[in-house]
Protein backbone atom coordinates (compact mmCIF):
# COMPACT_ATOMS: atom_id res chain seq x y z
CA UNK A 1 97.43 88.80 140.80
CA UNK A 2 100.02 89.18 143.54
CA UNK A 3 101.00 92.31 145.38
CA UNK A 4 104.44 93.42 144.21
CA UNK A 5 106.32 96.05 146.19
CA UNK A 6 108.32 98.30 143.93
CA UNK A 7 109.97 101.64 144.27
CA UNK A 8 111.26 103.26 147.44
CA UNK A 9 110.61 101.20 150.56
CA UNK A 10 109.12 104.32 152.14
CA UNK A 11 106.18 104.29 149.71
CA UNK A 12 103.56 102.33 151.61
CA UNK A 13 101.06 100.66 149.31
CA UNK A 14 97.90 102.26 150.65
CA UNK A 15 95.42 105.03 149.96
CA UNK A 16 95.66 107.64 152.68
CA UNK A 17 94.23 111.15 152.77
CA UNK A 18 95.56 113.57 155.37
CA UNK A 19 94.25 116.78 153.74
CA UNK A 20 91.69 117.64 151.14
CA UNK A 21 92.77 117.00 147.55
CA UNK A 22 94.50 119.16 146.48
CA UNK A 23 96.02 120.10 149.80
CA UNK A 24 97.49 123.45 150.87
CA UNK A 25 101.05 122.79 149.66
CA UNK A 26 99.78 121.61 146.27
CA UNK A 27 97.65 124.74 146.01
CA UNK A 28 100.72 126.89 146.69
CA UNK A 29 102.63 125.11 143.95
CA UNK A 30 99.66 125.46 141.64
CA UNK A 31 99.89 129.24 142.05
CA UNK A 32 103.57 129.07 141.05
CA UNK A 33 102.70 126.83 138.11
CA UNK A 34 100.06 129.27 136.92
CA UNK A 35 102.55 132.13 137.05
CA UNK A 36 105.46 130.33 135.39
CA UNK A 37 104.12 127.59 133.09
CA UNK A 38 102.40 128.27 129.78
CA UNK A 39 98.64 127.89 130.09
CA UNK A 40 98.60 125.68 126.99
CA UNK A 41 100.13 122.87 129.08
CA UNK A 42 97.09 121.01 130.37
CA UNK A 43 96.37 119.72 133.87
CA UNK A 44 94.27 116.75 135.00
CA UNK A 45 94.69 116.72 138.77
CA UNK A 46 96.35 119.64 140.61
CA UNK A 47 98.36 117.60 143.12
CA UNK A 48 102.13 117.86 143.09
CA UNK A 49 103.94 114.55 143.51
CA UNK A 50 106.77 114.12 146.00
CA UNK A 51 107.44 110.40 145.52
CA UNK A 52 105.79 107.35 144.00
CA UNK A 53 106.18 103.59 143.81
CA UNK A 54 104.17 100.49 143.06
CA UNK A 55 100.54 101.51 142.66
CA UNK A 56 100.56 104.80 144.57
CA UNK A 57 101.73 108.38 144.24
CA UNK A 58 102.37 110.53 147.31
CA UNK A 59 101.82 114.26 147.06
CA UNK A 60 103.60 117.12 148.80
CA UNK A 61 100.87 117.26 151.44
CA UNK A 62 101.40 113.62 152.41
CA UNK A 63 98.32 112.25 150.66
CA UNK A 64 98.81 108.80 149.15
CA UNK A 65 96.72 108.30 146.01
CA UNK A 66 95.99 105.08 144.11
CA UNK A 67 97.40 105.44 140.62
CA UNK A 68 95.12 104.24 137.81
CA UNK A 69 96.93 106.34 135.22
CA UNK A 70 100.61 105.27 135.25
CA UNK A 71 101.56 108.65 133.79
CA UNK A 72 99.44 107.65 130.76
CA UNK A 73 100.65 104.04 130.51
CA UNK A 74 104.32 104.90 131.09
CA UNK A 75 105.33 103.50 134.49
CA UNK A 76 103.99 100.02 133.83
CA UNK A 77 106.71 98.50 136.05
CA UNK A 78 105.88 101.03 138.77
CA UNK A 79 107.57 104.29 139.62
CA UNK A 80 111.20 104.00 140.72
CA UNK A 81 111.22 100.26 140.02
CA UNK A 82 114.31 98.77 141.71
CA UNK A 83 116.03 97.42 138.59
CA UNK A 84 115.36 100.67 136.73
CA UNK A 85 116.76 102.77 139.56
CA UNK A 86 119.89 100.63 139.81
CA UNK A 87 120.49 100.69 136.05
CA UNK A 88 119.94 104.43 135.75
CA UNK A 89 122.21 105.25 138.67
CA UNK A 90 124.99 103.12 137.22
CA UNK A 91 124.66 104.69 133.78
CA UNK A 92 124.55 108.26 135.09
CA UNK A 93 127.76 107.58 136.98
CA UNK A 94 129.41 106.30 133.78
CA UNK A 95 128.26 108.87 131.19
CA UNK A 96 125.04 110.67 130.35
CA UNK A 97 125.42 111.51 126.64
CA UNK A 98 127.69 111.22 123.66
CA UNK A 99 125.13 111.19 120.80
CA UNK A 100 124.89 107.73 119.31
CA UNK A 101 125.58 109.12 115.85
CA UNK A 102 128.91 110.56 117.02
CA UNK A 103 130.39 107.94 119.34
CA UNK A 104 128.02 104.97 119.85
CA UNK A 105 127.55 102.80 122.95
CA UNK A 106 126.36 99.29 123.69
CA UNK A 107 123.11 100.24 125.44
CA UNK A 108 121.51 101.54 122.24
CA UNK A 109 122.45 98.35 120.38
CA UNK A 110 121.17 96.17 123.23
CA UNK A 111 117.78 97.92 123.23
CA UNK A 112 117.47 97.37 119.48
CA UNK A 113 118.34 93.70 119.98
CA UNK A 114 115.63 93.37 122.63
CA UNK A 115 113.10 95.05 120.36
CA UNK A 116 113.89 92.50 117.67
CA UNK A 117 113.18 89.73 120.20
CA UNK A 118 109.95 90.99 121.75
CA UNK A 119 108.08 92.58 118.82
CA UNK A 120 105.77 90.37 116.71
CA UNK A 121 107.19 88.22 113.92
CA UNK A 122 110.30 86.09 113.47
CA UNK A 123 111.62 87.97 110.42
CA UNK A 124 114.86 89.94 110.45
CA UNK A 125 114.29 93.31 112.14
CA UNK A 126 116.13 96.51 112.85
CA UNK A 127 115.27 99.53 115.00
CA UNK A 128 115.99 103.23 115.38
CA UNK A 129 115.56 105.01 118.72
CA UNK A 130 114.00 108.40 119.38
CA UNK A 131 112.67 110.51 122.26
CA UNK A 132 108.87 110.45 122.14
CA UNK A 133 105.94 108.63 120.64
CA UNK A 134 105.18 111.44 118.22
CA UNK A 135 108.78 111.39 117.03
CA UNK A 136 108.59 107.63 116.48
CA UNK A 137 105.40 108.01 114.44
CA UNK A 138 106.94 110.76 112.31
CA UNK A 139 109.92 108.56 111.55
CA UNK A 140 107.74 105.56 110.77
CA UNK A 141 105.97 107.69 108.16
CA UNK A 142 109.35 108.80 106.76
CA UNK A 143 110.49 105.18 106.51
CA UNK A 144 107.24 104.02 104.91
CA UNK A 145 107.40 106.73 102.27
CA UNK A 146 111.08 106.19 101.53
CA UNK A 147 110.82 102.41 101.36
CA UNK A 148 107.73 102.31 99.14
CA UNK A 149 108.31 105.39 97.00
CA UNK A 150 104.70 106.37 97.77
CA UNK A 151 103.30 109.29 99.77
CA UNK A 152 99.76 108.62 101.04
CA UNK A 153 99.27 107.66 104.69
CA UNK A 154 95.91 106.21 105.76
CA UNK A 155 94.70 106.80 109.34
CA UNK A 156 91.42 106.26 111.17
CA UNK A 157 88.63 108.12 112.88
CA UNK A 158 89.27 108.67 116.62
CA UNK A 159 93.03 108.14 116.16
CA UNK A 160 95.68 109.85 118.25
CA UNK A 161 99.29 109.86 117.06
CA UNK A 162 100.86 112.99 118.59
CA UNK A 163 101.09 116.79 118.63
CA UNK A 164 103.80 117.69 116.12
CA UNK A 165 102.69 119.15 112.80
CA UNK A 166 102.69 115.81 110.97
CA UNK A 167 101.23 113.85 113.86
CA UNK A 168 98.51 116.46 114.38
CA UNK A 169 97.50 115.75 110.78
CA UNK A 170 97.40 112.05 111.67
CA UNK A 171 95.42 112.69 114.88
CA UNK A 172 91.64 112.89 114.51
CA UNK A 173 90.47 115.03 117.45
CA UNK A 174 90.44 118.79 117.00
CA UNK A 175 90.24 120.06 120.59
CA UNK A 176 92.61 120.38 122.27
CA UNK A 177 95.17 118.92 119.89
CA UNK A 178 94.71 120.71 116.55
CA UNK A 179 92.65 123.86 117.11
CA UNK A 180 94.44 126.89 115.68
CA UNK A 181 97.65 125.07 114.76
CA UNK A 182 97.15 124.47 111.03
CA UNK A 183 97.86 124.17 108.20
CA UNK A 184 98.83 120.54 108.61
CA UNK A 185 100.91 118.11 106.60
CA UNK A 186 99.36 116.77 103.41
CA UNK A 187 98.85 113.30 101.93
CA UNK A 188 97.03 112.05 105.03
CA UNK A 189 93.68 110.32 104.48
CA UNK A 190 91.18 109.36 107.19
CA UNK A 191 88.74 106.45 107.02
CA UNK A 192 86.22 104.94 109.47
CA UNK A 193 87.44 102.86 112.40
CA UNK A 194 85.75 99.71 113.63
CA UNK A 195 83.98 100.99 116.78
CA UNK A 196 81.67 98.16 117.87
CA UNK A 197 79.68 100.19 120.39
CA UNK A 198 78.82 102.91 117.85
CA UNK A 199 78.81 100.94 114.60
CA UNK A 200 75.57 99.74 113.10
CA UNK A 201 74.50 96.27 114.32
CA UNK A 202 76.00 93.41 112.38
CA UNK A 203 79.07 95.29 111.18
CA UNK A 204 81.74 92.64 111.73
CA UNK A 205 85.45 93.33 111.76
CA UNK A 206 85.98 92.18 108.16
CA UNK A 207 82.97 94.20 106.99
CA UNK A 208 84.23 97.30 108.80
CA UNK A 209 87.62 96.84 107.16
CA UNK A 210 86.00 96.47 103.74
CA UNK A 211 84.09 99.72 104.34
CA UNK A 212 87.30 101.59 105.15
CA UNK A 213 89.36 100.03 102.37
CA UNK A 214 86.72 100.73 99.73
CA UNK A 215 87.15 104.42 100.52
CA UNK A 216 90.92 104.11 100.27
CA UNK A 217 90.73 102.45 96.88
CA UNK A 218 88.17 104.91 95.53
CA UNK A 219 89.53 108.16 96.96
CA UNK A 220 93.28 107.56 97.35
CA UNK A 221 94.19 104.63 95.13
CA UNK A 222 95.82 101.51 96.51
CA UNK A 223 98.98 102.11 94.50
CA UNK A 224 99.52 105.48 96.18
CA UNK A 225 99.41 104.27 99.79
CA UNK A 226 102.77 104.14 101.55
CA UNK A 227 101.30 102.87 104.80
CA UNK A 228 98.20 102.29 106.88
CA UNK A 229 98.83 103.58 110.41
CA UNK A 230 96.64 102.23 113.20
CA UNK A 231 96.52 101.81 116.95
CA UNK A 232 95.51 98.17 117.55
CA UNK A 233 93.47 99.51 120.45
CA UNK A 234 92.92 103.24 120.23
CA UNK A 235 94.23 105.26 123.15
CA UNK A 236 93.11 108.87 123.43
CA UNK A 237 90.22 107.98 121.10
CA UNK A 238 88.62 106.12 123.98
CA UNK A 239 90.21 102.65 124.18
CA UNK A 240 88.26 101.59 121.13
CA UNK A 241 88.85 97.87 120.53
CA UNK A 242 88.10 97.05 116.88
CA UNK A 243 85.87 94.09 116.14
CA UNK A 244 87.62 90.76 115.70
CA UNK A 245 88.95 90.37 112.19
CA UNK A 246 89.35 94.08 111.48
CA UNK A 247 93.12 94.28 111.99
CA UNK A 248 93.91 91.07 110.06
CA UNK A 249 91.81 92.28 107.12
CA UNK A 250 93.66 95.61 107.04
CA UNK A 251 97.01 93.81 107.26
CA UNK A 252 96.04 91.42 104.44
CA UNK A 253 95.07 94.35 102.21
CA UNK A 254 98.41 96.03 102.91
CA UNK A 255 100.32 92.94 101.87
CA UNK A 256 98.28 92.60 98.68
CA UNK A 257 98.59 96.28 97.72
CA UNK A 258 102.25 96.85 98.60
CA UNK A 259 101.44 99.29 101.41
CA UNK A 260 103.02 98.92 104.84
CA UNK A 261 100.99 97.98 107.91
CA UNK A 262 102.24 100.33 110.62
CA UNK A 263 101.14 99.54 114.18
CA UNK A 264 101.19 102.42 116.66
CA UNK A 265 101.72 100.43 119.87
CA UNK A 266 102.89 103.42 121.87
CA UNK A 267 100.13 103.05 124.47
CA UNK A 268 99.30 99.37 123.96
CA UNK A 269 102.83 98.00 123.96
CA UNK A 270 105.03 96.35 126.57
CA UNK A 271 102.57 94.00 128.28
CA UNK A 272 99.83 96.60 128.74
CA UNK A 273 97.10 94.56 127.00
CA UNK A 274 98.07 91.13 128.34
CA UNK A 275 100.51 90.37 125.52
CA UNK A 276 103.81 92.05 124.82
CA UNK A 277 101.99 93.87 122.00
CA UNK A 278 98.29 94.21 121.22
CA UNK A 279 98.70 92.99 117.62
CA UNK A 280 99.55 89.56 118.97
CA UNK A 281 95.95 88.93 120.07
CA UNK A 282 94.98 88.26 116.44
CA UNK A 283 98.36 87.15 115.15
CA UNK A 284 98.97 90.34 113.17
CA UNK A 285 102.62 91.02 112.32
CA UNK A 286 103.27 94.69 111.46
CA UNK A 287 105.79 95.81 108.87
CA UNK A 288 106.69 98.70 111.18
CA UNK A 289 105.82 99.16 114.84
CA UNK A 290 106.20 102.30 116.94
CA UNK A 291 106.81 102.11 120.67
CA UNK A 292 107.36 104.53 123.56
CA UNK A 293 105.55 105.09 126.90
CA UNK A 294 106.06 101.80 128.80
CA UNK A 295 109.41 101.04 127.17
CA UNK A 296 111.72 102.64 129.75
CA UNK A 297 110.08 102.84 133.17
CA UNK A 298 109.41 106.57 132.95
CA UNK A 299 112.42 107.83 131.03
CA UNK A 300 111.91 109.36 127.56
CA UNK A 301 112.58 106.78 124.88
CA UNK A 302 110.80 105.69 121.71
CA UNK A 303 111.50 103.41 118.80
CA UNK A 304 110.57 102.34 115.32
CA UNK A 305 111.13 98.64 114.73
CA UNK A 306 110.55 97.05 111.36
CA UNK A 307 111.51 94.60 108.70
CA UNK A 308 115.24 94.95 108.17
CA UNK A 309 114.97 95.68 104.46
CA UNK A 310 112.50 98.51 105.12
CA UNK A 311 114.56 100.07 107.89
CA UNK A 312 117.66 99.86 105.73
CA UNK A 313 115.95 101.53 102.78
CA UNK A 314 116.63 104.95 104.29
CA UNK A 315 119.98 106.52 103.43
CA UNK A 316 122.65 107.00 106.08
CA UNK A 317 121.92 110.12 108.14
CA UNK A 318 118.22 110.09 107.24
CA UNK A 319 117.23 108.86 110.69
CA UNK A 320 118.40 109.99 114.11
CA UNK A 321 118.49 112.95 116.46
CA UNK A 322 120.80 114.39 119.08
CA UNK A 323 119.13 112.78 122.08
CA UNK A 324 117.55 109.72 120.43
CA UNK A 325 118.47 106.58 122.35
CA UNK A 326 120.01 108.49 125.25
CA UNK A 327 122.26 106.09 127.23
CA UNK A 328 120.41 106.63 130.51
CA UNK A 329 117.05 105.95 128.86
CA UNK A 330 118.50 102.85 127.18
CA UNK A 331 119.71 101.54 130.55
CA UNK A 332 116.23 102.10 131.94
CA UNK A 333 114.65 100.29 129.00
CA UNK A 334 116.83 97.22 129.41
CA UNK A 335 115.96 97.06 133.11
CA UNK A 336 112.28 97.59 132.35
CA UNK A 337 112.15 94.75 129.84
CA UNK A 338 114.00 92.46 132.26
CA UNK A 339 111.50 93.34 135.00
CA UNK A 340 108.56 92.58 132.69
CA UNK A 341 110.00 89.16 131.90
CA UNK A 342 110.90 88.23 135.46
CA UNK A 343 107.57 89.32 136.94
CA UNK A 344 105.43 88.13 133.99
CA UNK A 345 103.77 91.52 133.71
CA UNK A 346 101.78 90.41 130.67
CA UNK A 347 100.18 87.87 132.99
CA UNK A 348 99.70 90.59 135.60
CA UNK A 349 97.82 92.68 133.01
CA UNK A 350 95.49 89.76 132.34
CA UNK A 351 94.86 89.42 136.07
CA UNK A 352 94.02 93.12 136.28
CA UNK A 353 91.48 92.63 133.50
CA UNK A 354 89.97 89.67 135.38
CA UNK A 355 89.48 91.88 138.44
CA UNK A 356 88.25 95.01 136.69
CA UNK A 357 85.88 93.84 133.98
CA UNK A 358 83.35 92.02 136.23
CA UNK A 359 83.23 94.97 138.63
CA UNK A 360 82.73 97.48 135.83
CA UNK A 361 80.07 95.37 134.13
CA UNK A 362 78.21 95.10 137.42
CA UNK A 363 78.42 98.88 137.75
CA UNK A 364 77.09 99.18 134.20
CA UNK A 365 74.06 97.07 135.13
CA UNK A 366 73.33 99.13 138.25
CA UNK A 367 73.71 102.61 136.82
CA UNK A 368 72.18 102.77 133.35
CA UNK A 369 74.72 105.46 132.37
CA UNK A 370 77.57 103.24 131.16
CA UNK A 371 77.01 102.46 127.52
CA UNK A 372 80.06 100.26 127.06
CA UNK A 373 82.73 98.48 129.10
CA UNK A 374 85.73 97.56 126.99
CA UNK A 375 89.45 97.06 126.80
CA UNK A 376 92.04 94.37 127.26
CA UNK A 377 94.55 93.61 129.97
CA UNK A 378 95.33 96.71 132.03
CA UNK A 379 93.90 99.03 129.36
CA UNK A 380 90.23 99.24 130.36
CA UNK A 381 87.58 101.91 129.80
CA UNK A 382 83.92 102.73 130.34
CA UNK A 383 81.95 105.00 128.03
CA UNK A 384 79.34 107.17 129.75
CA UNK A 385 76.05 108.08 128.08
CA UNK A 386 72.75 109.64 128.96
CA UNK A 387 70.30 107.06 130.35
CA UNK A 388 68.46 105.08 127.71
CA UNK A 389 70.53 106.51 124.85
CA UNK A 390 74.00 106.31 123.31
CA UNK A 391 74.37 110.11 123.59
CA UNK A 392 77.79 110.91 125.09
CA UNK A 393 77.76 112.41 128.58
CA UNK A 394 81.04 114.27 128.94
CA UNK A 395 79.75 116.36 131.83
CA UNK A 396 79.00 113.31 134.00
CA UNK A 397 82.34 111.80 133.00
CA UNK A 398 84.13 114.86 134.33
CA UNK A 399 82.16 114.80 137.58
CA UNK A 400 82.95 111.14 138.17
CA UNK A 401 86.64 111.74 137.51
CA UNK A 402 86.75 114.68 139.92
CA UNK A 403 84.93 112.69 142.59
CA UNK A 404 87.54 109.93 142.30
CA UNK A 405 90.36 112.46 142.47
CA UNK A 406 88.91 114.00 145.63
CA UNK A 407 88.93 110.57 147.26
CA UNK A 408 92.50 109.79 146.31
CA UNK A 409 92.20 107.78 143.08
CA UNK A 410 93.89 109.01 139.90
CA UNK A 411 91.72 108.33 136.84
CA UNK A 412 91.92 109.75 133.33
CA UNK A 413 89.34 110.75 130.76
CA UNK A 414 89.50 110.20 127.01
CA UNK A 415 87.43 109.78 123.87
CA UNK A 416 86.48 111.84 120.87
CA UNK A 417 83.40 112.99 122.77
CA UNK A 418 85.12 113.35 126.16
CA UNK A 419 82.86 110.72 127.71
CA UNK A 420 85.27 107.87 128.44
CA UNK A 421 86.91 107.04 131.75
CA UNK A 422 90.11 105.11 131.08
CA UNK A 423 92.06 103.01 133.54
CA UNK A 424 95.79 102.33 133.11
CA UNK A 425 97.08 101.01 136.44
CA UNK A 426 100.72 100.07 136.84
CA UNK A 427 101.07 96.39 136.04
CA UNK A 428 102.60 95.85 139.49
CA UNK A 429 99.63 97.31 141.38
CA UNK A 430 98.52 95.29 144.39
CA UNK A 431 95.12 93.64 144.12
CA UNK A 432 94.01 95.29 147.36
CA UNK A 433 94.71 98.72 145.85
CA UNK A 434 92.87 97.88 142.65
CA UNK A 435 89.84 96.62 144.57
CA UNK A 436 89.83 99.71 146.78
CA UNK A 437 90.03 101.97 143.75
CA UNK A 438 87.01 100.23 142.25
CA UNK A 439 85.17 100.75 145.55
CA UNK A 440 85.92 104.47 145.27
CA UNK A 441 84.65 104.45 141.69
CA UNK A 442 81.42 102.77 142.83
CA UNK A 443 80.97 105.47 145.46
CA UNK A 444 81.62 108.19 142.90
CA UNK A 445 78.84 106.82 140.69
CA UNK A 446 76.52 106.65 143.70
CA UNK A 447 77.31 110.26 144.47
CA UNK A 448 77.18 111.69 140.95
CA UNK A 449 74.79 109.39 139.08
CA UNK A 450 72.56 108.03 141.80
CA UNK A 451 73.90 104.49 141.45
CA UNK A 452 72.94 102.04 144.15
C-alpha cells in the first residue's frame, strides 16, 4: 500500500491534536446544532469539519483526525480528490440542473455506460440514476415487481436497506431506524442470514441457504417471490460476511424459481471489498444491483443497474425523479471511477485488509473480548463480547469508540446488538496513518478493557 496524497495540498496527512476533542469551537457549533437541527438526526462524533483530504479530516479547532469512516464508505477516493474537484468545478460552471427527463445531458448517459462496464456480468445492461441508496433500493423493488409480475420481496436478518417507508420494512433493526414509524409496506418476508460467528457449528453456506429458502418455499411460495434482496456483506448489520457458498446458492435458487437476485452493493461497491463489487468474490452475477455511497466521491448519486430486458420492462415515466442523476453528481462519478481505475483502488483495499486483519487478530488474542474479526478489503469489523462468552458487549464497544475519538481517530459502531466496531478507511489512506490508527485502537483497548 502506497501513500497517496489527495485533496487540498494544505491537508497534511497526519494525526494532530491541538485541543481536546471536541474542542471549544466545535462545542460552540454543537450548541447551535442542538438549537437548530432536529434531535432525530443522530450524531457520532461532535467535531465540526473545516476541511478534509486523503485519510484525515481537520476540524474547526485545528485538530487533524485519522478517518476510518469515510463518511460511511462514501469518500473512498478521499475527500476533495483532485479529479473529482476538477470535474465538479467544470460542470458547475457549465450548468447545475436541467432534469434529465426534461432535457437530457451526456454525463448521465456516460455514468450508465460505466456502470454497464464495471458491474458483474457480460450481459446487456441498463441503468437508472437516483439520489440515495434508499431510493435505489425502492426502485429496484419496483423494477423486480413490474418485471416479474410478482409482489413478495425476501430479505434477511440483520439487513439494512434504508429509512424510507418501504426500506424500513426491508431493514431488520428496530432502533433507531423503525421505532414508532409504522405501519410499514407489506409483502416483505424476512429469513435467517448466514452469520458464521453466531450460527451453530457446521452450518455451511449452502446449508444456511437451504435453511432460509425452505422458509421461503413454505411460508411465501417460490412462485410469489419477485426478488431476493441481499447485501453481499451486510453493512449496518455488523459487516456480516456470509459463509462461502451462501450467495451462490441463493442466486441459483432465484434462477430456478424465476425470482430476481438483487444485490444491495451500496456499502460494498466500488472497490471497497477488494473487488469492484463484493459479489465478484464468488462469481455471483446479480439480476439487479443497487449502488450509491462510493460512486461519486461524496456527491449524492445512486443507481439501479440490471439486465436490459428487466430494466426495460417498466413503462416510460415509471422511473426517475427531479434530481436523479444530477449533472454535477454525474461529473463527480465519472471522475471517481477514473480515479479508482488509475490508482487501482481495489488493490489498495486488499492492501488495507493485509495491514488490518493481522493487527486485529493479534488484539483479539490479547484481549479476550473480541469474539470475531471479519470483513474483506477495506470493510473490516470486530465484534465485542463479554469475556468467555458470545454475549454482545455494546457498552464496551461504545467506550472503545469514544476513546478512539478522543485521541483523534474516527471509528464507527454497527451491528444488530450495537457491539461491532467497523472500519471503513478511505482507499487512498496512507499506510502510516492506518498503522497509527491501529496503535490508537490498541491503546483504547488497554485503557477500557485492560488489554496488554
